[in-house]
Amino acid sequence: MAGPLMQLTKFKPSSVLFQQVAAVHNRSRIGNRDVVGYGLNGEYTYVDHIAFPMPAIRFKENTPEVMALREKEKGDWKKMSVEEKKALYRASFCQTYSEMRAPNGEWKSILGCTLGLVAASYWMYMWAKVFVYPPMPDTITNEEKRSAQLKRMIDIRVDPVDGLTSNWDYENNRWKK
């Protein structure tokens, strides 16, 4: 049993365990950010979404400026300026609720794509009508042949109960009023 099975069983338990934990939690990918919650699906990702207001990690990495603001926030908030409060918020979140809900013009691209698809389908139909479909038969394009076909349908009494010839008066040879 010195084949591939033996090679699979030779591993370092500590390296496998570290790789499994790092793969599950993605700690190696978040950098120097604080983990502050469970998030959208339990992974360490940042997502701005109205339905999930608390992301798993902070938006920005911890810098000396941000860490100084975090120490200052532990004290009295009345001593902090509005700019410092905004900087502290922007270190944790990328957008406010009003910024997330603001219209972004996405409807324009959707409408443009829809109209483009309608135009493309129209041109495909016109191409098929010219190059693929055969010409219309004389029974549809020629008025004399259409009237002759109608007369023949009346003569052989096509669908006399509720169809075309149900409106024909056979005694007076005219349409019923």
N, C-alpha and C. Protein backbone atom coordinates (compact mmCIF):
# COMPACT_ATOMS: atom_id res chain seq x y z
N MET A 1 0.83 -1.20 0.00
CA MET A 1 0.00 0.00 0.00
C MET A 1 0.86 1.24 0.00
N ALA A 2 1.81 1.30 -0.85
CA ALA A 2 2.69 2.46 -0.90
C ALA A 2 2.30 3.39 -2.03
N GLY A 3 1.08 3.26 -2.56
CA GLY A 3 0.63 4.04 -3.71
C GLY A 3 0.09 5.41 -3.30
N PRO A 4 -0.85 5.90 -4.08
CA PRO A 4 -1.40 7.23 -3.83
C PRO A 4 -2.13 7.35 -2.50
N LEU A 5 -2.71 6.24 -2.02
CA LEU A 5 -3.41 6.29 -0.74
C LEU A 5 -2.46 6.61 0.39
N MET A 6 -1.28 6.07 0.34
CA MET A 6 -0.28 6.34 1.37
C MET A 6 0.16 7.79 1.31
N GLN A 7 0.24 8.36 0.11
CA GLN A 7 0.64 9.76 0.00
C GLN A 7 -0.44 10.67 0.56
N LEU A 8 -1.71 10.29 0.43
CA LEU A 8 -2.79 11.10 0.96
C LEU A 8 -2.81 11.09 2.48
N THR A 9 -2.40 9.99 3.09
CA THR A 9 -2.45 9.90 4.54
C THR A 9 -1.29 10.60 5.21
N LYS A 10 -0.26 11.00 4.47
CA LYS A 10 0.87 11.70 5.06
C LYS A 10 0.60 13.20 4.99
N PHE A 11 0.28 13.80 6.10
CA PHE A 11 0.03 15.23 6.15
C PHE A 11 0.41 15.74 7.53
N LYS A 12 0.53 17.04 7.60
CA LYS A 12 0.81 17.67 8.88
C LYS A 12 -0.52 18.16 9.44
N PRO A 13 -0.96 17.65 10.57
CA PRO A 13 -2.27 18.03 11.10
C PRO A 13 -2.40 19.52 11.37
N SER A 14 -1.33 20.17 11.83
CA SER A 14 -1.45 21.59 12.15
C SER A 14 -1.66 22.44 10.91
N SER A 15 -1.00 22.10 9.79
CA SER A 15 -1.17 22.89 8.58
C SER A 15 -2.56 22.68 7.98
N VAL A 16 -3.08 21.47 8.03
CA VAL A 16 -4.42 21.20 7.51
C VAL A 16 -5.45 21.93 8.33
N LEU A 17 -5.31 21.90 9.64
CA LEU A 17 -6.26 22.57 10.51
C LEU A 17 -6.26 24.07 10.25
N PHE A 18 -5.08 24.66 10.12
CA PHE A 18 -5.00 26.09 9.84
C PHE A 18 -5.64 26.42 8.49
N GLN A 19 -5.39 25.60 7.47
CA GLN A 19 -5.98 25.85 6.16
C GLN A 19 -7.50 25.74 6.21
N GLN A 20 -8.01 24.78 6.97
CA GLN A 20 -9.46 24.63 7.07
C GLN A 20 -10.08 25.84 7.77
N VAL A 21 -9.48 26.27 8.85
CA VAL A 21 -10.02 27.41 9.58
C VAL A 21 -9.92 28.67 8.74
N ALA A 22 -8.80 28.87 8.07
CA ALA A 22 -8.64 30.06 7.23
C ALA A 22 -9.61 30.03 6.06
N ALA A 23 -9.86 28.85 5.51
CA ALA A 23 -10.79 28.76 4.39
C ALA A 23 -12.21 29.04 4.84
N VAL A 24 -12.59 28.57 6.02
CA VAL A 24 -13.95 28.77 6.50
C VAL A 24 -14.18 30.23 6.86
N HIS A 25 -13.26 30.84 7.52
CA HIS A 25 -13.48 32.17 8.05
C HIS A 25 -12.90 33.30 7.20
N ASN A 26 -12.03 33.00 6.26
CA ASN A 26 -11.41 34.01 5.39
C ASN A 26 -10.69 35.09 6.19
N ARG A 27 -10.09 34.74 7.32
CA ARG A 27 -9.37 35.72 8.13
C ARG A 27 -8.17 36.28 7.40
N SER A 28 -7.58 35.50 6.53
CA SER A 28 -6.39 35.96 5.83
C SER A 28 -6.74 37.01 4.78
N ARG A 29 -7.99 37.10 4.39
CA ARG A 29 -8.39 38.02 3.33
C ARG A 29 -8.91 39.36 3.83
N ILE A 30 -9.20 39.48 5.12
CA ILE A 30 -9.81 40.72 5.59
C ILE A 30 -8.79 41.75 6.04
N GLY A 31 -7.54 41.38 6.16
CA GLY A 31 -6.52 42.34 6.55
C GLY A 31 -6.62 42.71 8.01
N ASN A 32 -6.40 43.99 8.31
CA ASN A 32 -6.39 44.50 9.68
C ASN A 32 -7.75 45.13 9.99
N ARG A 33 -8.81 44.38 9.85
CA ARG A 33 -10.15 44.89 10.14
C ARG A 33 -10.71 44.17 11.36
N ASP A 34 -11.61 44.85 12.04
CA ASP A 34 -12.27 44.25 13.21
C ASP A 34 -13.46 43.42 12.76
N VAL A 35 -13.61 42.26 13.36
CA VAL A 35 -14.81 41.44 13.15
C VAL A 35 -15.83 41.91 14.18
N VAL A 36 -16.97 42.38 13.70
CA VAL A 36 -17.95 42.99 14.59
C VAL A 36 -19.29 42.27 14.62
N GLY A 37 -19.48 41.24 13.83
CA GLY A 37 -20.77 40.56 13.86
C GLY A 37 -20.77 39.31 12.99
N TYR A 38 -21.95 38.74 12.86
CA TYR A 38 -22.12 37.51 12.09
C TYR A 38 -22.17 37.80 10.60
N GLY A 39 -22.84 38.90 10.22
CA GLY A 39 -22.89 39.29 8.82
C GLY A 39 -24.00 38.62 8.05
N LEU A 40 -23.88 38.65 6.75
CA LEU A 40 -24.91 38.15 5.85
C LEU A 40 -25.06 36.64 5.92
N ASN A 41 -23.97 35.91 5.85
CA ASN A 41 -24.04 34.45 5.82
C ASN A 41 -22.98 33.79 6.71
N GLY A 42 -22.45 34.51 7.66
CA GLY A 42 -21.49 33.93 8.58
C GLY A 42 -20.04 34.03 8.14
N GLU A 43 -19.79 34.51 6.93
CA GLU A 43 -18.42 34.69 6.46
C GLU A 43 -17.99 36.13 6.73
N TYR A 44 -16.67 36.31 6.79
CA TYR A 44 -16.14 37.64 7.07
C TYR A 44 -16.09 38.44 5.78
N THR A 45 -17.21 39.05 5.43
CA THR A 45 -17.30 39.89 4.24
C THR A 45 -17.99 41.19 4.61
N TYR A 46 -17.76 42.21 3.78
CA TYR A 46 -18.46 43.48 3.98
C TYR A 46 -19.45 43.67 2.85
N VAL A 47 -20.72 43.90 3.21
CA VAL A 47 -21.78 44.12 2.22
C VAL A 47 -22.66 45.24 2.74
N ASP A 48 -22.89 46.25 1.91
CA ASP A 48 -23.87 47.29 2.22
C ASP A 48 -25.20 46.85 1.65
N HIS A 49 -26.15 46.54 2.53
CA HIS A 49 -27.46 46.11 2.08
C HIS A 49 -28.49 46.53 3.12
N ILE A 50 -29.65 47.00 2.66
CA ILE A 50 -30.67 47.48 3.58
C ILE A 50 -31.23 46.34 4.42
N ALA A 51 -31.38 45.16 3.82
CA ALA A 51 -31.94 44.03 4.54
C ALA A 51 -30.96 43.45 5.57
N PHE A 52 -29.67 43.68 5.39
CA PHE A 52 -28.65 43.18 6.31
C PHE A 52 -27.81 44.35 6.78
N PRO A 53 -28.27 45.10 7.78
CA PRO A 53 -27.62 46.36 8.13
C PRO A 53 -26.29 46.23 8.85
N MET A 54 -25.98 45.06 9.40
CA MET A 54 -24.76 44.93 10.17
C MET A 54 -23.81 43.96 9.48
N PRO A 55 -22.79 44.47 8.77
CA PRO A 55 -21.83 43.56 8.13
C PRO A 55 -20.95 42.88 9.17
N ALA A 56 -20.28 41.83 8.74
CA ALA A 56 -19.46 41.05 9.66
C ALA A 56 -18.16 41.76 10.03
N ILE A 57 -17.64 42.59 9.13
CA ILE A 57 -16.38 43.29 9.41
C ILE A 57 -16.58 44.77 9.15
N ARG A 58 -15.65 45.56 9.64
CA ARG A 58 -15.71 47.01 9.40
C ARG A 58 -15.26 47.32 7.96
N PHE A 59 -15.68 48.48 7.46
CA PHE A 59 -15.40 48.84 6.07
C PHE A 59 -13.92 49.10 5.84
N LYS A 60 -13.30 49.90 6.71
CA LYS A 60 -11.89 50.26 6.53
C LYS A 60 -11.01 49.50 7.51
N GLU A 61 -9.75 49.35 7.11
CA GLU A 61 -8.79 48.72 8.01
C GLU A 61 -8.43 49.69 9.13
N ASN A 62 -7.92 49.13 10.20
CA ASN A 62 -7.52 49.95 11.34
C ASN A 62 -6.22 50.69 11.04
N THR A 63 -6.31 52.00 11.00
CA THR A 63 -5.14 52.86 10.84
C THR A 63 -4.93 53.62 12.15
N PRO A 64 -3.79 54.27 12.31
CA PRO A 64 -3.59 55.03 13.56
C PRO A 64 -4.65 56.12 13.78
N GLU A 65 -5.12 56.77 12.69
CA GLU A 65 -6.15 57.80 12.83
C GLU A 65 -7.46 57.19 13.32
N VAL A 66 -7.82 56.05 12.75
CA VAL A 66 -9.08 55.40 13.13
C VAL A 66 -8.98 54.89 14.56
N MET A 67 -7.84 54.34 14.93
CA MET A 67 -7.68 53.84 16.30
C MET A 67 -7.75 54.99 17.31
N ALA A 68 -7.23 56.16 16.95
CA ALA A 68 -7.32 57.32 17.84
C ALA A 68 -8.78 57.74 18.01
N LEU A 69 -9.54 57.70 16.92
CA LEU A 69 -10.97 58.03 17.02
C LEU A 69 -11.72 56.99 17.85
N ARG A 70 -11.34 55.74 17.76
CA ARG A 70 -12.01 54.70 18.54
C ARG A 70 -11.72 54.88 20.04
N GLU A 71 -10.52 55.33 20.37
CA GLU A 71 -10.22 55.62 21.78
C GLU A 71 -11.01 56.83 22.26
N LYS A 72 -11.16 57.80 21.37
CA LYS A 72 -11.88 59.02 21.75
C LYS A 72 -13.37 58.75 21.89
N GLU A 73 -13.91 57.77 21.14
CA GLU A 73 -15.34 57.48 21.22
C GLU A 73 -15.71 56.80 22.54
N LYS A 74 -14.73 56.23 23.23
CA LYS A 74 -15.00 55.60 24.52
C LYS A 74 -15.32 56.63 25.59
N GLY A 75 -14.95 57.88 25.33
CA GLY A 75 -15.22 58.94 26.28
C GLY A 75 -16.55 59.63 25.98
N ASP A 76 -16.61 60.92 26.27
CA ASP A 76 -17.83 61.71 26.08
C ASP A 76 -17.97 62.08 24.60
N TRP A 77 -19.11 61.74 24.03
CA TRP A 77 -19.35 62.02 22.60
C TRP A 77 -19.59 63.50 22.34
N LYS A 78 -19.93 64.25 23.38
CA LYS A 78 -20.15 65.69 23.20
C LYS A 78 -18.83 66.41 22.92
N LYS A 79 -17.73 65.79 23.31
CA LYS A 79 -16.42 66.39 23.06
C LYS A 79 -15.91 66.13 21.65
N MET A 80 -16.58 65.23 20.94
CA MET A 80 -16.17 64.92 19.56
C MET A 80 -16.86 65.89 18.60
N SER A 81 -16.13 66.27 17.55
CA SER A 81 -16.73 67.15 16.54
C SER A 81 -17.57 66.31 15.57
N VAL A 82 -18.38 66.99 14.76
CA VAL A 82 -19.22 66.32 13.79
C VAL A 82 -18.36 65.60 12.75
N GLU A 83 -17.25 66.22 12.35
CA GLU A 83 -16.35 65.59 11.37
C GLU A 83 -15.74 64.31 11.93
N GLU A 84 -15.40 64.30 13.21
CA GLU A 84 -14.84 63.10 13.83
C GLU A 84 -15.89 61.99 13.89
N LYS A 85 -17.13 62.35 14.21
CA LYS A 85 -18.20 61.35 14.24
C LYS A 85 -18.44 60.77 12.85
N LYS A 86 -18.40 61.63 11.84
CA LYS A 86 -18.58 61.15 10.46
C LYS A 86 -17.42 60.26 10.03
N ALA A 87 -16.21 60.63 10.40
CA ALA A 87 -15.04 59.81 10.06
C ALA A 87 -15.12 58.46 10.77
N LEU A 88 -15.60 58.46 12.00
CA LEU A 88 -15.77 57.21 12.74
C LEU A 88 -16.83 56.33 12.07
N TYR A 89 -17.92 56.94 11.62
CA TYR A 89 -18.96 56.18 10.92
C TYR A 89 -18.42 55.62 9.60
N ARG A 90 -17.70 56.45 8.85
CA ARG A 90 -17.17 55.99 7.56
C ARG A 90 -16.09 54.93 7.70
N ALA A 91 -15.47 54.83 8.87
CA ALA A 91 -14.50 53.75 9.10
C ALA A 91 -15.21 52.42 9.26
N SER A 92 -16.45 52.46 9.75
CA SER A 92 -17.20 51.23 9.95
C SER A 92 -18.12 50.89 8.77
N PHE A 93 -18.67 51.92 8.11
CA PHE A 93 -19.65 51.69 7.04
C PHE A 93 -19.27 52.50 5.81
N CYS A 94 -19.58 51.97 4.65
CA CYS A 94 -19.29 52.68 3.40
C CYS A 94 -20.41 53.66 3.05
N GLN A 95 -21.67 53.23 3.23
CA GLN A 95 -22.80 54.07 2.84
C GLN A 95 -23.78 54.21 3.99
N THR A 96 -24.53 55.32 3.96
CA THR A 96 -25.63 55.50 4.90
C THR A 96 -26.88 54.88 4.28
N TYR A 97 -27.97 54.81 5.06
CA TYR A 97 -29.21 54.26 4.52
C TYR A 97 -29.73 55.11 3.36
N SER A 98 -29.64 56.41 3.48
CA SER A 98 -30.13 57.26 2.40
C SER A 98 -29.28 57.10 1.14
N GLU A 99 -28.00 56.85 1.29
CA GLU A 99 -27.15 56.61 0.12
C GLU A 99 -27.45 55.26 -0.52
N MET A 100 -27.79 54.26 0.31
CA MET A 100 -28.14 52.95 -0.24
C MET A 100 -29.46 53.00 -0.99
N ARG A 101 -30.40 53.81 -0.49
CA ARG A 101 -31.74 53.87 -1.10
C ARG A 101 -31.83 54.89 -2.22
N ALA A 102 -30.82 55.69 -2.42
CA ALA A 102 -30.86 56.72 -3.45
C ALA A 102 -30.91 56.08 -4.83
N PRO A 103 -31.66 56.69 -5.76
CA PRO A 103 -31.69 56.12 -7.11
C PRO A 103 -30.32 56.22 -7.76
N ASN A 104 -29.97 55.15 -8.47
CA ASN A 104 -28.63 55.12 -9.05
C ASN A 104 -28.66 55.12 -10.57
N GLY A 105 -29.84 55.21 -11.17
CA GLY A 105 -29.93 55.26 -12.62
C GLY A 105 -29.86 53.90 -13.28
N GLU A 106 -30.02 52.83 -12.51
CA GLU A 106 -29.96 51.49 -13.08
C GLU A 106 -31.09 51.23 -14.06
N TRP A 107 -32.22 51.91 -13.86
CA TRP A 107 -33.37 51.72 -14.74
C TRP A 107 -33.05 52.12 -16.17
N LYS A 108 -32.12 53.04 -16.33
CA LYS A 108 -31.77 53.49 -17.68
C LYS A 108 -31.10 52.38 -18.48
N SER A 109 -30.20 51.66 -17.84
CA SER A 109 -29.54 50.56 -18.54
C SER A 109 -30.51 49.42 -18.81
N ILE A 110 -31.42 49.17 -17.88
CA ILE A 110 -32.42 48.11 -18.08
C ILE A 110 -33.34 48.47 -19.24
N LEU A 111 -33.81 49.70 -19.26
CA LEU A 111 -34.67 50.15 -20.36
C LEU A 111 -33.92 50.12 -21.69
N GLY A 112 -32.67 50.56 -21.69
CA GLY A 112 -31.87 50.53 -22.91
C GLY A 112 -31.67 49.12 -23.44
N CYS A 113 -31.35 48.19 -22.54
CA CYS A 113 -31.18 46.79 -22.97
C CYS A 113 -32.48 46.21 -23.48
N THR A 114 -33.59 46.53 -22.82
CA THR A 114 -34.89 46.02 -23.26
C THR A 114 -35.24 46.55 -24.65
N LEU A 115 -35.07 47.84 -24.85
CA LEU A 115 -35.38 48.42 -26.17
C LEU A 115 -34.42 47.88 -27.23
N GLY A 116 -33.17 47.67 -26.87
CA GLY A 116 -32.21 47.09 -27.81
C GLY A 116 -32.61 45.68 -28.22
N LEU A 117 -33.08 44.88 -27.25
CA LEU A 117 -33.52 43.52 -27.57
C LEU A 117 -34.78 43.54 -28.43
N VAL A 118 -35.69 44.47 -28.15
CA VAL A 118 -36.90 44.58 -28.98
C VAL A 118 -36.51 44.96 -30.41
N ALA A 119 -35.62 45.92 -30.56
CA ALA A 119 -35.18 46.32 -31.90
C ALA A 119 -34.46 45.18 -32.62
N ALA A 120 -33.61 44.45 -31.90
CA ALA A 120 -32.91 43.32 -32.52
C ALA A 120 -33.88 42.24 -32.95
N SER A 121 -34.89 41.96 -32.13
CA SER A 121 -35.87 40.94 -32.51
C SER A 121 -36.70 41.40 -33.70
N TYR A 122 -37.02 42.69 -33.77
CA TYR A 122 -37.75 43.21 -34.93
C TYR A 122 -36.92 43.05 -36.20
N TRP A 123 -35.63 43.37 -36.15
CA TRP A 123 -34.78 43.24 -37.34
C TRP A 123 -34.57 41.78 -37.71
N MET A 124 -34.52 40.90 -36.73
CA MET A 124 -34.42 39.47 -37.03
C MET A 124 -35.69 38.99 -37.73
N TYR A 125 -36.85 39.47 -37.29
CA TYR A 125 -38.11 39.11 -37.93
C TYR A 125 -38.13 39.62 -39.37
N MET A 126 -37.72 40.86 -39.56
CA MET A 126 -37.72 41.42 -40.93
C MET A 126 -36.75 40.66 -41.82
N TRP A 127 -35.59 40.28 -41.31
CA TRP A 127 -34.64 39.50 -42.09
C TRP A 127 -35.25 38.14 -42.47
N ALA A 128 -35.91 37.50 -41.49
CA ALA A 128 -36.52 36.20 -41.77
C ALA A 128 -37.66 36.34 -42.77
N LYS A 129 -38.41 37.43 -42.68
CA LYS A 129 -39.53 37.64 -43.60
C LYS A 129 -39.02 37.81 -45.03
N VAL A 130 -37.89 38.48 -45.19
CA VAL A 130 -37.36 38.73 -46.54
C VAL A 130 -36.61 37.51 -47.07
N PHE A 131 -35.78 36.88 -46.25
CA PHE A 131 -34.88 35.85 -46.76
C PHE A 131 -35.29 34.41 -46.45
N VAL A 132 -36.16 34.18 -45.46
CA VAL A 132 -36.46 32.82 -45.04
C VAL A 132 -37.86 32.39 -45.47
N TYR A 133 -38.86 33.20 -45.14
CA TYR A 133 -40.24 32.82 -45.43
C TYR A 133 -40.52 32.90 -46.93
N PRO A 134 -41.33 31.96 -47.45
CA PRO A 134 -41.70 32.04 -48.87
C PRO A 134 -42.71 33.17 -49.08
N PRO A 135 -42.92 33.60 -50.32
CA PRO A 135 -43.91 34.66 -50.55
C PRO A 135 -45.31 34.18 -50.19
N MET A 136 -46.19 35.13 -49.89
CA MET A 136 -47.56 34.81 -49.51
C MET A 136 -48.29 34.19 -50.71
N PRO A 137 -49.18 33.23 -50.46
CA PRO A 137 -49.89 32.62 -51.58
C PRO A 137 -50.92 33.58 -52.18
N ASP A 138 -51.33 33.26 -53.41
CA ASP A 138 -52.31 34.12 -54.11
C ASP A 138 -53.64 34.16 -53.39
N THR A 139 -53.98 33.12 -52.67
CA THR A 139 -55.28 33.10 -51.99
C THR A 139 -55.35 34.12 -50.87
N ILE A 140 -54.21 34.67 -50.47
CA ILE A 140 -54.21 35.70 -49.43
C ILE A 140 -53.99 37.08 -50.04
N THR A 141 -53.16 37.19 -51.04
CA THR A 141 -52.82 38.50 -51.60
C THR A 141 -53.78 38.95 -52.70
N ASN A 142 -54.37 38.04 -53.45
CA ASN A 142 -55.23 38.40 -54.58
C ASN A 142 -56.68 38.51 -54.10
N GLU A 143 -57.31 39.67 -54.33
CA GLU A 143 -58.68 39.92 -53.87
C GLU A 143 -59.68 39.00 -54.55
N GLU A 144 -59.52 38.74 -55.82
CA GLU A 144 -60.45 37.88 -56.55
C GLU A 144 -60.42 36.45 -56.01
N LYS A 145 -59.23 35.96 -55.74
CA LYS A 145 -59.11 34.60 -55.21
C LYS A 145 -59.63 34.51 -53.78
N ARG A 146 -59.48 35.57 -53.00
CA ARG A 146 -60.02 35.57 -51.65
C ARG A 146 -61.54 35.53 -51.67
N SER A 147 -62.17 36.30 -52.56
CA SER A 147 -63.63 36.27 -52.65
C SER A 147 -64.12 34.93 -53.19
N ALA A 148 -63.38 34.33 -54.12
CA ALA A 148 -63.75 33.01 -54.63
C ALA A 148 -63.64 31.96 -53.53
N GLN A 149 -62.63 32.07 -52.70
CA GLN A 149 -62.46 31.13 -51.59
C GLN A 149 -63.59 31.30 -50.59
N LEU A 150 -64.00 32.52 -50.29
CA LEU A 150 -65.11 32.78 -49.39
C LEU A 150 -66.40 32.19 -49.95
N LYS A 151 -66.64 32.37 -51.25
CA LYS A 151 -67.85 31.83 -51.88
C LYS A 151 -67.86 30.31 -51.80
N ARG A 152 -66.71 29.69 -52.01
CA ARG A 152 -66.62 28.23 -51.92
C ARG A 152 -66.88 27.77 -50.50
N MET A 153 -66.39 28.48 -49.49
CA MET A 153 -66.64 28.11 -48.10
C MET A 153 -68.13 28.23 -47.76
N ILE A 154 -68.79 29.24 -48.33
CA ILE A 154 -70.23 29.38 -48.10
C ILE A 154 -70.98 28.24 -48.80
N ASP A 155 -70.56 27.89 -50.00
CA ASP A 155 -71.24 26.84 -50.76
C ASP A 155 -71.13 25.47 -50.09
N ILE A 156 -69.99 25.17 -49.51
CA ILE A 156 -69.85 23.87 -48.86
C ILE A 156 -70.23 23.92 -47.38
N ARG A 157 -70.74 25.07 -46.93
CA ARG A 157 -71.28 25.27 -45.57
C ARG A 157 -70.26 24.89 -44.49
N VAL A 158 -69.14 25.61 -44.49
CA VAL A 158 -68.08 25.40 -43.51
C VAL A 158 -68.53 25.93 -42.15
N ASP A 159 -68.54 25.07 -41.15
CA ASP A 159 -68.87 25.42 -39.76
C ASP A 159 -70.18 26.20 -39.67
N PRO A 160 -71.31 25.56 -39.98
CA PRO A 160 -72.58 26.29 -40.07
C PRO A 160 -73.20 26.64 -38.72
N VAL A 161 -72.73 26.08 -37.62
CA VAL A 161 -73.39 26.32 -36.33
C VAL A 161 -72.95 27.64 -35.72
N ASP A 162 -71.66 27.83 -35.55
CA ASP A 162 -71.19 29.07 -34.93
C ASP A 162 -70.00 29.67 -35.65
N GLY A 163 -69.71 29.24 -36.83
CA GLY A 163 -68.56 29.74 -37.55
C GLY A 163 -68.92 30.77 -38.60
N LEU A 164 -68.15 30.77 -39.69
CA LEU A 164 -68.30 31.77 -40.74
C LEU A 164 -69.66 31.70 -41.43
N THR A 165 -70.09 30.52 -41.82
CA THR A 165 -71.33 30.41 -42.60
C THR A 165 -72.58 30.48 -41.74
N SER A 166 -72.46 30.55 -40.43
CA SER A 166 -73.64 30.72 -39.59
C SER A 166 -74.23 32.11 -39.77
N ASN A 167 -73.48 33.05 -40.30
CA ASN A 167 -73.97 34.42 -40.54
C ASN A 167 -74.49 34.61 -41.97
N TRP A 168 -74.54 33.55 -42.76
CA TRP A 168 -74.99 33.65 -44.16
C TRP A 168 -76.43 33.19 -44.28
N ASP A 169 -77.23 34.00 -44.94
CA ASP A 169 -78.63 33.67 -45.19
C ASP A 169 -78.69 32.94 -46.53
N TYR A 170 -78.90 31.61 -46.48
CA TYR A 170 -78.88 30.80 -47.70
C TYR A 170 -80.15 31.00 -48.54
N GLU A 171 -81.25 31.43 -47.94
CA GLU A 171 -82.48 31.63 -48.70
C GLU A 171 -82.41 32.90 -49.56
N ASN A 172 -81.76 33.97 -49.02
CA ASN A 172 -81.70 35.23 -49.74
C ASN A 172 -80.33 35.50 -50.37
N ASN A 173 -79.38 34.59 -50.18
CA ASN A 173 -78.02 34.73 -50.69
C ASN A 173 -77.36 36.07 -50.30
N ARG A 174 -77.36 36.33 -49.00
CA ARG A 174 -76.69 37.53 -48.47
C ARG A 174 -76.37 37.29 -46.99
N TRP A 175 -75.58 38.21 -46.45
CA TRP A 175 -75.19 38.10 -45.04
C TRP A 175 -76.37 38.48 -44.15
N LYS A 176 -76.50 37.80 -43.02
CA LYS A 176 -77.57 38.13 -42.08
C LYS A 176 -77.27 39.45 -41.41
N LYS A 177 -78.37 40.13 -41.05
CA LYS A 177 -78.19 41.43 -40.39
C LYS A 177 -78.32 41.31 -38.91
